[in-house]
Amino acid sequence: MTKEVKEEIADEIIFLGSGGARIVVFKQIRASGGIWFSIGNTNLLIDPGPGSLVRITQSKVKLDPTKLDAVLLSHRHLDHAGDVNVIIEAITTGGTVKRGMLFCPSDALFGDDPIVYKYLRNFLNEIVILKEKGKYEIKDIKFTTPVRHDHRSETYGFLFDTKKIKISYIADTRYFPELAKIYASDLAIINVVRAQESDLDHLSIPDVKKIIIAMQPKRVILNHFGMTIIKAKPWELATKLSEETGVKVLAAHDGMRFPLAELEG
């Protein structure tokens, strides 16, 4: 028997998981592996929740954690950072090769309940603490953390400049009207946990609709679904948002690939 050869990737985003919130994550109704960016000569992993390393090693696309240049944590909650330590081990080949970077809020490292193990920190080339309005660079990609989100722990979204297109990742937050202007981009990846508005500090479908109408990006990908989104069928919610806003909206699914060439030019 011939060994299966996995397909190489170039300039695309892979959704290792599309689930969010406690019940979805601990039952793994949707995976919680985070998002892999492969752009030019740069590989990033955003929010490696529980099972991220398994999703990487079992991906149909050839993904190698030792080729990751950086891990970005929007915040320290388990559904976003549960696998960060094992990912650091993988990036550095168990600490035998000093390489890679970690970008994270300060409370992921310090305080009463840090999430990144101390013994692993020196395995990396660098750890960068995220701050509001921070500007950062990793090889081919520049990104900013334009605003601190309204969430229970210190949380930041990311605004990426790939030279060809701008990509925003709107992490967990309570809605506020400035989000659309702050994260103006060609491609908006938006974490939406709730189907309807609630008192929780997470975005809902009505919140996302307001963001899309105000921002008018070329494309939107919904991600990080809670149970109410899953029960409402996220692909149907995405279709309805497309019709109501005039912007093409997609619902992420586990393993989904989005080639950036669709938006370039």
Protein backbone atom coordinates (compact mmCIF):
# COMPACT_ATOMS: atom_id res chain seq x y z
CA MET A 1 0.00 0.00 0.00
CA THR A 2 1.22 3.50 -0.77
CA LYS A 3 1.32 6.02 2.00
CA GLU A 4 -1.17 8.86 1.60
CA VAL A 5 0.50 12.14 0.62
CA LYS A 6 -1.11 15.21 2.10
CA GLU A 7 -1.67 18.26 -0.05
CA GLU A 8 0.53 21.32 0.42
CA ILE A 9 -1.12 24.69 1.05
CA ALA A 10 -0.33 28.22 -0.06
CA ASP A 11 -1.97 31.55 0.75
CA GLU A 12 -5.07 30.29 2.45
CA ILE A 13 -6.85 30.08 5.77
CA ILE A 14 -7.82 26.74 7.27
CA PHE A 15 -10.45 26.52 9.98
CA LEU A 16 -9.21 23.69 12.20
CA GLY A 17 -12.37 24.12 14.26
CA SER A 18 -15.53 26.18 14.12
CA GLY A 19 -16.94 25.60 17.59
CA GLY A 20 -17.08 27.94 20.56
CA ALA A 21 -18.64 28.17 24.02
CA ARG A 22 -18.55 25.55 26.74
CA ILE A 23 -21.07 22.90 25.68
CA VAL A 24 -19.99 22.82 22.05
CA VAL A 25 -16.33 22.54 23.07
CA PHE A 26 -16.51 19.93 25.83
CA LYS A 27 -18.79 17.73 23.72
CA GLN A 28 -16.77 18.56 20.58
CA ILE A 29 -19.98 19.06 18.61
CA ARG A 30 -17.75 21.30 16.51
CA ALA A 31 -13.97 21.12 16.80
CA SER A 32 -12.05 23.83 18.68
CA GLY A 33 -8.70 23.72 16.91
CA GLY A 34 -8.39 27.40 15.98
CA ILE A 35 -7.45 28.95 12.65
CA TRP A 36 -4.31 28.32 10.58
CA PHE A 37 -3.03 31.11 8.33
CA SER A 38 -0.60 30.22 5.56
CA ILE A 39 0.37 33.39 3.70
CA GLY A 40 3.50 33.69 1.62
CA ASN A 41 6.35 32.43 3.75
CA THR A 42 4.46 32.79 7.03
CA ASN A 43 2.42 30.29 9.05
CA LEU A 44 0.31 31.45 12.00
CA LEU A 45 -2.03 29.64 14.37
CA ILE A 46 -4.78 31.68 16.02
CA ASP A 47 -6.54 30.54 19.21
CA PRO A 48 -5.55 26.85 19.54
CA GLY A 49 -8.39 25.51 21.66
CA PRO A 50 -8.69 21.89 22.90
CA GLY A 51 -7.76 19.38 20.21
CA SER A 52 -5.81 21.82 18.06
CA LEU A 53 -2.73 19.61 17.70
CA VAL A 54 -4.88 16.61 16.78
CA ARG A 55 -6.68 18.65 14.14
CA ILE A 56 -3.31 19.76 12.72
CA THR A 57 -1.79 16.29 12.56
CA GLN A 58 -4.94 14.72 11.11
CA SER A 59 -5.67 17.48 8.61
CA LYS A 60 -6.24 16.42 5.01
CA VAL A 61 -3.99 19.33 4.09
CA LYS A 62 -0.33 18.89 4.98
CA LEU A 63 0.19 20.95 8.14
CA ASP A 64 3.39 20.74 10.14
CA PRO A 65 3.44 22.44 13.56
CA THR A 66 7.25 22.67 13.42
CA LYS A 67 6.76 25.09 10.50
CA LEU A 68 4.61 27.49 12.52
CA ASP A 69 6.17 30.92 12.92
CA ALA A 70 3.84 32.14 15.65
CA VAL A 71 0.82 31.44 17.82
CA LEU A 72 -1.63 34.27 18.51
CA LEU A 73 -3.96 34.12 21.50
CA SER A 74 -6.85 36.57 21.48
CA HIS A 75 -7.44 35.71 25.16
CA ARG A 76 -6.79 33.07 27.78
CA HIS A 77 -10.13 31.19 27.86
CA LEU A 78 -9.84 27.43 27.33
CA ASP A 79 -11.84 27.31 24.10
CA HIS A 80 -9.20 29.62 22.61
CA ALA A 81 -6.03 28.53 24.41
CA GLY A 82 -6.50 25.01 25.76
CA ASP A 83 -3.81 23.53 23.49
CA VAL A 84 -1.32 26.40 23.59
CA ASN A 85 1.22 24.50 25.68
CA VAL A 86 1.31 21.36 23.55
CA ILE A 87 1.49 23.56 20.44
CA ILE A 88 4.57 25.29 21.90
CA GLU A 89 6.07 21.82 22.48
CA ALA A 90 5.35 20.90 18.87
CA ILE A 91 6.71 24.14 17.39
CA THR A 92 9.99 23.69 19.25
CA THR A 93 10.25 19.89 18.87
CA GLY A 94 9.89 19.42 22.59
CA GLY A 95 12.18 22.30 23.38
CA THR A 96 15.13 20.90 21.41
CA VAL A 97 14.93 23.65 18.77
CA LYS A 98 14.52 27.22 19.99
CA ARG A 99 12.11 28.84 17.53
CA GLY A 100 8.72 30.46 17.08
CA MET A 101 6.85 33.31 18.73
CA LEU A 102 3.85 33.64 21.02
CA PHE A 103 1.63 36.73 21.04
CA CYS A 104 -0.78 36.89 23.96
CA PRO A 105 -2.40 39.21 26.53
CA SER A 106 -0.55 39.71 29.80
CA ASP A 107 -2.95 37.61 31.89
CA ALA A 108 -2.06 34.52 29.82
CA LEU A 109 1.39 34.77 31.43
CA PHE A 110 1.00 36.52 34.77
CA GLY A 111 -1.39 36.83 37.70
CA ASP A 112 -3.11 34.16 39.75
CA ASP A 113 -4.07 31.86 36.89
CA PRO A 114 -1.68 32.00 33.89
CA ILE A 115 -2.36 29.57 31.08
CA VAL A 116 1.11 29.28 29.48
CA TYR A 117 3.41 26.98 31.45
CA LYS A 118 6.55 28.70 32.71
CA TYR A 119 8.90 25.85 31.79
CA LEU A 120 7.89 26.15 28.12
CA ARG A 121 8.43 29.88 27.73
CA ASN A 122 12.17 29.73 27.10
CA PHE A 123 11.60 27.19 24.31
CA LEU A 124 10.36 30.03 22.09
CA ASN A 125 12.41 32.70 20.36
CA GLU A 126 10.15 35.41 21.71
CA ILE A 127 6.97 36.08 23.67
CA VAL A 128 5.20 39.34 22.88
CA ILE A 129 2.55 40.78 25.19
CA LEU A 130 -0.37 42.24 23.28
CA LYS A 131 -1.56 45.74 24.03
CA GLU A 132 -4.35 47.98 22.77
CA LYS A 133 -3.29 49.71 19.51
CA GLY A 134 -0.22 47.50 19.33
CA LYS A 135 1.62 47.01 16.03
CA TYR A 136 3.40 43.77 15.24
CA GLU A 137 5.19 42.00 12.40
CA ILE A 138 5.90 38.35 11.59
CA LYS A 139 7.85 37.84 8.38
CA ASP A 140 5.38 38.53 5.52
CA ILE A 141 2.53 39.73 7.73
CA LYS A 142 1.92 42.88 9.73
CA PHE A 143 -0.94 43.05 12.21
CA THR A 144 -2.42 45.31 14.86
CA THR A 145 -4.55 44.87 17.95
CA PRO A 146 -6.64 48.03 17.51
CA VAL A 147 -8.85 47.87 20.59
CA ARG A 148 -9.36 45.93 23.81
CA HIS A 149 -12.61 44.00 23.57
CA ASP A 150 -15.50 44.07 26.01
CA HIS A 151 -15.02 40.56 27.36
CA ARG A 152 -14.44 38.88 30.72
CA SER A 153 -10.69 38.56 30.31
CA GLU A 154 -8.17 40.75 28.49
CA THR A 155 -9.09 40.17 24.85
CA TYR A 156 -7.92 41.49 21.49
CA GLY A 157 -8.89 40.93 17.89
CA PHE A 158 -6.41 41.13 15.04
CA LEU A 159 -6.23 43.24 11.89
CA PHE A 160 -3.81 41.71 9.37
CA ASP A 161 -2.14 43.40 6.41
CA THR A 162 -0.87 40.81 3.92
CA LYS A 163 0.20 43.46 1.36
CA LYS A 164 -2.51 42.19 -1.00
CA ILE A 165 -5.58 42.20 1.25
CA LYS A 166 -6.62 43.12 4.77
CA ILE A 167 -8.08 40.47 7.05
CA SER A 168 -9.79 41.07 10.37
CA TYR A 169 -10.41 38.57 13.14
CA ILE A 170 -13.08 39.85 15.51
CA ALA A 171 -12.62 37.74 18.62
CA ASP A 172 -15.08 37.34 21.49
CA THR A 173 -16.62 40.60 22.61
CA ARG A 174 -19.82 42.36 23.53
CA TYR A 175 -21.06 44.42 20.59
CA PHE A 176 -20.12 48.08 20.34
CA PRO A 177 -20.77 50.29 17.29
CA GLU A 178 -17.10 51.11 16.58
CA LEU A 179 -16.26 47.49 15.70
CA ALA A 180 -17.08 47.94 12.00
CA LYS A 181 -14.80 50.94 11.57
CA ILE A 182 -12.01 49.53 13.72
CA TYR A 183 -11.88 46.23 11.83
CA ALA A 184 -12.57 47.51 8.30
CA SER A 185 -11.09 44.90 5.95
CA ASP A 186 -11.52 42.88 2.78
CA LEU A 187 -12.18 39.67 4.70
CA ALA A 188 -13.81 39.72 8.13
CA ILE A 189 -13.69 36.58 10.28
CA ILE A 190 -16.20 37.08 13.08
CA ASN A 191 -16.73 34.98 16.19
CA VAL A 192 -20.48 34.70 16.73
CA VAL A 193 -21.69 32.55 19.62
CA ARG A 194 -25.37 33.44 19.88
CA ALA A 195 -28.23 33.34 17.38
CA GLN A 196 -30.14 36.06 19.22
CA GLU A 197 -29.07 39.04 21.30
CA SER A 198 -28.34 38.31 24.96
CA ASP A 199 -26.66 39.78 28.02
CA LEU A 200 -23.55 37.67 27.41
CA ASP A 201 -20.33 39.32 26.29
CA HIS A 202 -20.43 37.59 22.92
CA LEU A 203 -21.65 38.68 19.50
CA SER A 204 -25.00 37.53 18.14
CA ILE A 205 -26.33 37.28 14.58
CA PRO A 206 -28.14 40.67 14.88
CA ASP A 207 -24.85 42.21 16.06
CA VAL A 208 -22.98 40.71 13.12
CA LYS A 209 -25.58 42.05 10.71
CA LYS A 210 -24.95 45.59 11.97
CA ILE A 211 -21.19 45.12 11.61
CA ILE A 212 -21.47 43.85 8.03
CA ILE A 213 -23.82 46.64 6.92
CA ALA A 214 -21.49 49.29 8.37
CA MET A 215 -18.22 47.66 7.21
CA GLN A 216 -19.17 46.33 3.76
CA PRO A 217 -16.22 43.93 3.38
CA LYS A 218 -15.74 41.79 0.29
CA ARG A 219 -16.37 38.61 2.27
CA VAL A 220 -17.38 37.54 5.78
CA ILE A 221 -16.75 34.19 7.45
CA LEU A 222 -18.74 33.39 10.59
CA ASN A 223 -16.97 31.19 13.15
CA HIS A 224 -16.85 30.00 16.78
CA PHE A 225 -20.46 28.85 17.05
CA GLY A 226 -22.36 28.20 20.25
CA MET A 227 -25.31 25.82 20.55
CA THR A 228 -27.97 28.33 19.54
CA ILE A 229 -26.13 29.00 16.27
CA ILE A 230 -25.67 25.30 15.54
CA LYS A 231 -29.34 24.54 16.22
CA ALA A 232 -30.31 27.38 13.88
CA LYS A 233 -28.06 25.92 11.11
CA PRO A 234 -25.16 28.35 10.59
CA TRP A 235 -25.09 27.90 6.80
CA GLU A 236 -28.73 29.06 6.64
CA LEU A 237 -27.97 32.03 8.89
CA ALA A 238 -25.06 32.93 6.61
CA THR A 239 -27.28 32.75 3.52
CA LYS A 240 -29.86 35.01 5.15
CA LEU A 241 -27.18 37.54 6.14
CA SER A 242 -25.91 37.56 2.56
CA GLU A 243 -29.39 38.36 1.29
CA GLU A 244 -29.99 41.06 3.89
CA THR A 245 -26.63 42.83 3.64
CA GLY A 246 -25.57 42.34 0.02
CA VAL A 247 -22.22 40.93 1.23
CA LYS A 248 -21.29 37.30 0.65
CA VAL A 249 -21.28 35.58 4.05
CA LEU A 250 -19.96 32.07 4.68
CA ALA A 251 -20.33 29.86 7.74
CA ALA A 252 -17.11 28.11 8.71
CA HIS A 253 -17.05 24.35 9.16
CA ASP A 254 -14.36 22.11 10.59
CA GLY A 255 -11.54 21.77 8.09
CA MET A 256 -12.85 24.50 5.80
CA ARG A 257 -10.28 26.07 3.49
CA PHE A 258 -10.50 29.62 2.19
CA PRO A 259 -8.00 30.53 -0.56
CA LEU A 260 -7.05 34.19 -0.38
CA ALA A 261 -6.82 34.32 -4.18
CA GLU A 262 -10.62 34.67 -4.16
CA LEU A 263 -10.24 38.22 -2.85
CA GLU A 264 -6.99 39.37 -4.41
CA GLY A 265 -6.78 41.72 -7.37
